[in-house]
N, C-alpha and C. Protein backbone atom coordinates (compact mmCIF):
# COMPACT_ATOMS: atom_id res chain seq x y z
N MET A 1 0.64 11.15 7.87
CA MET A 1 -0.50 11.92 7.38
C MET A 1 -0.01 13.27 6.85
N GLN A 2 -0.60 13.68 5.78
CA GLN A 2 -0.23 14.98 5.23
C GLN A 2 -0.98 16.08 5.97
N PRO A 3 -0.47 17.30 5.92
CA PRO A 3 -1.16 18.41 6.60
C PRO A 3 -2.60 18.56 6.08
N VAL A 4 -3.49 18.99 6.96
CA VAL A 4 -4.91 19.11 6.62
C VAL A 4 -5.12 19.99 5.39
N LYS A 5 -4.47 21.11 5.35
CA LYS A 5 -4.65 22.04 4.23
C LYS A 5 -4.32 21.36 2.91
N GLN A 6 -3.22 20.62 2.88
CA GLN A 6 -2.82 19.96 1.64
C GLN A 6 -3.82 18.87 1.26
N GLU A 7 -4.31 18.15 2.26
CA GLU A 7 -5.30 17.11 1.98
C GLU A 7 -6.58 17.70 1.41
N VAL A 8 -7.00 18.83 1.95
CA VAL A 8 -8.20 19.51 1.45
C VAL A 8 -7.99 19.98 0.01
N LEU A 9 -6.85 20.59 -0.25
CA LEU A 9 -6.56 21.07 -1.60
C LEU A 9 -6.51 19.90 -2.60
N ASN A 10 -5.90 18.79 -2.21
CA ASN A 10 -5.83 17.62 -3.08
C ASN A 10 -7.22 17.08 -3.36
N THR A 11 -8.04 17.01 -2.33
CA THR A 11 -9.39 16.48 -2.49
C THR A 11 -10.21 17.36 -3.42
N ILE A 12 -10.18 18.65 -3.20
CA ILE A 12 -10.94 19.57 -4.04
C ILE A 12 -10.42 19.54 -5.47
N GLY A 13 -9.11 19.43 -5.62
CA GLY A 13 -8.51 19.38 -6.95
C GLY A 13 -8.95 18.18 -7.77
N LYS A 14 -9.33 17.09 -7.12
CA LYS A 14 -9.75 15.88 -7.82
C LYS A 14 -11.23 15.91 -8.22
N LEU A 15 -11.98 16.87 -7.70
CA LEU A 15 -13.41 16.95 -8.00
C LEU A 15 -13.63 17.58 -9.37
N PRO A 16 -14.74 17.24 -10.02
CA PRO A 16 -15.03 17.84 -11.33
C PRO A 16 -15.30 19.35 -11.19
N ASP A 17 -15.13 20.06 -12.28
CA ASP A 17 -15.31 21.51 -12.26
C ASP A 17 -16.73 21.94 -11.93
N ASP A 18 -17.70 21.08 -12.21
CA ASP A 18 -19.09 21.47 -11.96
C ASP A 18 -19.62 20.98 -10.60
N VAL A 19 -18.72 20.63 -9.69
CA VAL A 19 -19.13 20.16 -8.37
C VAL A 19 -19.85 21.29 -7.62
N ASP A 20 -20.84 20.91 -6.81
CA ASP A 20 -21.53 21.95 -6.03
C ASP A 20 -20.97 22.00 -4.60
N MET A 21 -21.32 23.06 -3.90
CA MET A 21 -20.79 23.30 -2.57
C MET A 21 -21.16 22.19 -1.60
N ASP A 22 -22.37 21.64 -1.73
CA ASP A 22 -22.79 20.55 -0.84
C ASP A 22 -21.86 19.34 -0.96
N GLU A 23 -21.48 19.00 -2.17
CA GLU A 23 -20.59 17.86 -2.38
C GLU A 23 -19.21 18.14 -1.79
N ILE A 24 -18.70 19.35 -1.97
CA ILE A 24 -17.41 19.73 -1.40
C ILE A 24 -17.46 19.61 0.12
N MET A 25 -18.50 20.15 0.71
CA MET A 25 -18.64 20.11 2.17
C MET A 25 -18.76 18.67 2.67
N TYR A 26 -19.49 17.84 1.95
CA TYR A 26 -19.62 16.43 2.34
C TYR A 26 -18.27 15.73 2.30
N ARG A 27 -17.52 15.95 1.25
CA ARG A 27 -16.19 15.31 1.12
C ARG A 27 -15.28 15.75 2.26
N LEU A 28 -15.31 17.04 2.59
CA LEU A 28 -14.47 17.55 3.68
C LEU A 28 -14.92 16.97 5.02
N TYR A 29 -16.22 16.82 5.20
CA TYR A 29 -16.76 16.22 6.41
C TYR A 29 -16.26 14.78 6.57
N VAL A 30 -16.30 14.01 5.49
CA VAL A 30 -15.85 12.62 5.53
C VAL A 30 -14.36 12.56 5.85
N ILE A 31 -13.57 13.40 5.22
CA ILE A 31 -12.13 13.43 5.50
C ILE A 31 -11.88 13.73 6.97
N ASP A 32 -12.62 14.69 7.52
CA ASP A 32 -12.47 15.05 8.93
C ASP A 32 -12.79 13.86 9.83
N LYS A 33 -13.87 13.16 9.55
CA LYS A 33 -14.25 12.00 10.36
C LYS A 33 -13.21 10.89 10.27
N ILE A 34 -12.67 10.65 9.08
CA ILE A 34 -11.65 9.62 8.91
C ILE A 34 -10.39 10.01 9.69
N ARG A 35 -9.97 11.26 9.59
CA ARG A 35 -8.79 11.73 10.33
C ARG A 35 -8.98 11.55 11.83
N LYS A 36 -10.16 11.93 12.33
CA LYS A 36 -10.43 11.80 13.76
C LYS A 36 -10.44 10.34 14.19
N GLY A 37 -10.98 9.46 13.35
CA GLY A 37 -10.97 8.04 13.65
C GLY A 37 -9.56 7.46 13.67
N GLN A 38 -8.75 7.86 12.74
CA GLN A 38 -7.36 7.41 12.70
C GLN A 38 -6.61 7.88 13.94
N GLN A 39 -6.84 9.11 14.32
CA GLN A 39 -6.17 9.66 15.51
C GLN A 39 -6.62 8.93 16.77
N ALA A 40 -7.91 8.66 16.88
CA ALA A 40 -8.44 7.93 18.03
C ALA A 40 -7.83 6.53 18.10
N SER A 41 -7.70 5.89 16.95
CA SER A 41 -7.11 4.56 16.90
C SER A 41 -5.66 4.58 17.35
N GLN A 42 -4.91 5.56 16.89
CA GLN A 42 -3.51 5.69 17.27
C GLN A 42 -3.36 5.95 18.77
N ASN A 43 -4.35 6.61 19.36
CA ASN A 43 -4.32 6.92 20.78
C ASN A 43 -4.91 5.81 21.64
N GLY A 44 -5.30 4.71 20.99
CA GLY A 44 -5.87 3.59 21.72
C GLY A 44 -7.29 3.81 22.20
N GLN A 45 -7.97 4.77 21.59
CA GLN A 45 -9.34 5.10 21.97
C GLN A 45 -10.32 4.35 21.08
N THR A 46 -10.28 3.04 21.19
CA THR A 46 -11.15 2.21 20.38
C THR A 46 -12.06 1.37 21.27
N THR A 47 -13.08 0.80 20.69
CA THR A 47 -14.01 -0.06 21.41
C THR A 47 -13.73 -1.50 21.02
N PRO A 48 -13.57 -2.38 22.02
CA PRO A 48 -13.28 -3.78 21.70
C PRO A 48 -14.40 -4.41 20.87
N HIS A 49 -14.03 -5.36 20.02
CA HIS A 49 -14.94 -6.02 19.09
C HIS A 49 -16.14 -6.63 19.81
N GLU A 50 -15.90 -7.31 20.90
CA GLU A 50 -16.99 -7.96 21.64
C GLU A 50 -17.99 -6.94 22.17
N GLU A 51 -17.50 -5.79 22.60
CA GLU A 51 -18.39 -4.74 23.10
C GLU A 51 -19.26 -4.19 21.97
N VAL A 52 -18.69 -4.04 20.80
CA VAL A 52 -19.44 -3.56 19.65
C VAL A 52 -20.52 -4.58 19.27
N LYS A 53 -20.18 -5.85 19.29
CA LYS A 53 -21.16 -6.89 18.97
C LYS A 53 -22.33 -6.86 19.96
N LYS A 54 -22.05 -6.62 21.23
CA LYS A 54 -23.11 -6.54 22.24
C LYS A 54 -24.04 -5.35 21.96
N GLU A 55 -23.44 -4.22 21.59
CA GLU A 55 -24.24 -3.02 21.29
C GLU A 55 -25.12 -3.25 20.07
N ILE A 56 -24.57 -3.88 19.04
CA ILE A 56 -25.33 -4.14 17.82
C ILE A 56 -26.49 -5.09 18.11
N ALA A 57 -26.26 -6.06 18.97
CA ALA A 57 -27.31 -7.02 19.31
C ALA A 57 -28.51 -6.34 19.96
N LYS A 58 -28.31 -5.21 20.61
CA LYS A 58 -29.39 -4.46 21.25
C LYS A 58 -30.29 -3.76 20.24
N TRP A 59 -29.80 -3.54 19.02
CA TRP A 59 -30.56 -2.83 18.01
C TRP A 59 -31.74 -3.67 17.64
């Protein structure tokens, strides 16, 4: 994984010049959630498939 600062700069650099602040904040939020999910997965902090299926069935 690249450093957070570099990832943020790359992401913002790919956005159009007329992007608004809400879109920038949303993109950064999504990147943060993906990073946290990847880290949790690497640390073995995941929920087994069968458990997820049981939770969904309750909906």
